[in-house]
Amino acid sequence: MIRLKSKMVDLKRFYPRDLGTSVGLAVLLSTLVFVIDPEIAIEAIKSIRKPLAIEL
């Protein structure tokens, strides 16, 4: 029995469109957040190093 692909089930067909849409929405939302509140400060979190004890 030969099974054929249905065009409605082919996920690769719509991948570039969906990827472009999601990237566009992410850029748009990020831009809106920074335009609405430009005082957002992005700071790196300083990591606290725990002392390393090596026993022999």
C-alpha atoms as a PDB file:
ATOM      1  CA  MET A   1       0.000   0.000   0.000  1.00  0.00           C
ATOM      2  CA  ILE A   2       1.463   3.369  -1.019  1.00  0.00           C
ATOM      3  CA  ARG A   3       1.027   6.195   1.454  1.00  0.00           C
ATOM      4  CA  LEU A   4       1.185   9.708   0.075  1.00  0.00           C
ATOM      5  CA  LYS A   5       1.873  12.884   2.016  1.00  0.00           C
ATOM      6  CA  SER A   6      -0.983  15.252   2.456  1.00  0.00           C
ATOM      7  CA  LYS A   7      -0.120  18.910   1.864  1.00  0.00           C
ATOM      8  CA  MET A   8      -2.137  19.824   4.958  1.00  0.00           C
ATOM      9  CA  VAL A   9       0.197  17.725   7.144  1.00  0.00           C
ATOM     10  CA  ASP A  10       3.529  18.795   5.625  1.00  0.00           C
ATOM     11  CA  LEU A  11       5.132  20.837   8.424  1.00  0.00           C
ATOM     12  CA  LYS A  12       8.218  21.775   6.401  1.00  0.00           C
ATOM     13  CA  ARG A  13       6.071  23.702   3.949  1.00  0.00           C
ATOM     14  CA  PHE A  14       5.055  26.374   6.471  1.00  0.00           C
ATOM     15  CA  TYR A  15       8.225  26.422   8.597  1.00  0.00           C
ATOM     16  CA  PRO A  16       9.878  29.517   7.014  1.00  0.00           C
ATOM     17  CA  ARG A  17       6.644  31.515   7.269  1.00  0.00           C
ATOM     18  CA  ASP A  18       6.055  30.536  10.900  1.00  0.00           C
ATOM     19  CA  LEU A  19       9.680  31.198  11.838  1.00  0.00           C
ATOM     20  CA  GLY A  20       9.590  34.640  10.212  1.00  0.00           C
ATOM     21  CA  THR A  21       6.313  35.462  11.943  1.00  0.00           C
ATOM     22  CA  SER A  22       7.597  34.440  15.378  1.00  0.00           C
ATOM     23  CA  VAL A  23      10.889  36.320  14.990  1.00  0.00           C
ATOM     24  CA  GLY A  24       9.009  39.402  13.780  1.00  0.00           C
ATOM     25  CA  LEU A  25       6.631  39.300  16.741  1.00  0.00           C
ATOM     26  CA  ALA A  26       9.520  38.882  19.190  1.00  0.00           C
ATOM     27  CA  VAL A  27      11.338  41.894  17.714  1.00  0.00           C
ATOM     28  CA  LEU A  28       8.147  43.959  17.726  1.00  0.00           C
ATOM     29  CA  LEU A  29       7.322  43.139  21.344  1.00  0.00           C
ATOM     30  CA  SER A  30      10.899  43.805  22.489  1.00  0.00           C
ATOM     31  CA  THR A  31      10.906  47.153  20.695  1.00  0.00           C
ATOM     32  CA  LEU A  32       7.549  48.105  22.218  1.00  0.00           C
ATOM     33  CA  VAL A  33       8.748  47.294  25.720  1.00  0.00           C
ATOM     34  CA  PHE A  34      11.862  49.453  25.339  1.00  0.00           C
ATOM     35  CA  VAL A  35       9.927  52.314  23.704  1.00  0.00           C
ATOM     36  CA  ILE A  36       7.240  52.322  26.401  1.00  0.00           C
ATOM     37  CA  ASP A  37       9.709  52.122  29.300  1.00  0.00           C
ATOM     38  CA  PRO A  38      13.169  53.339  28.203  1.00  0.00           C
ATOM     39  CA  GLU A  39      14.452  53.386  31.784  1.00  0.00           C
ATOM     40  CA  ILE A  40      14.739  49.633  31.979  1.00  0.00           C
ATOM     41  CA  ALA A  41      18.208  48.903  33.255  1.00  0.00           C
ATOM     42  CA  ILE A  42      19.716  45.622  32.236  1.00  0.00           C
ATOM     43  CA  GLU A  43      22.432  44.585  34.638  1.00  0.00           C
ATOM     44  CA  ALA A  44      24.396  41.403  34.897  1.00  0.00           C
ATOM     45  CA  ILE A  45      23.880  39.477  38.104  1.00  0.00           C
ATOM     46  CA  LYS A  46      27.129  39.007  39.968  1.00  0.00           C
ATOM     47  CA  SER A  47      27.701  35.415  40.890  1.00  0.00           C
ATOM     48  CA  ILE A  48      28.901  34.583  44.362  1.00  0.00           C
ATOM     49  CA  ARG A  49      31.707  32.061  44.336  1.00  0.00           C
ATOM     50  CA  LYS A  50      31.603  29.534  47.117  1.00  0.00           C
ATOM     51  CA  PRO A  51      34.964  28.672  48.649  1.00  0.00           C
ATOM     52  CA  LEU A  52      36.405  25.457  47.319  1.00  0.00           C
ATOM     53  CA  ALA A  53      37.778  23.070  49.912  1.00  0.00           C
ATOM     54  CA  ILE A  54      39.867  20.179  48.648  1.00  0.00           C
ATOM     55  CA  GLU A  55      40.681  17.436  51.117  1.00  0.00           C
ATOM     56  CA  LEU A  56      43.440  14.960  50.447  1.00  0.00           C
END
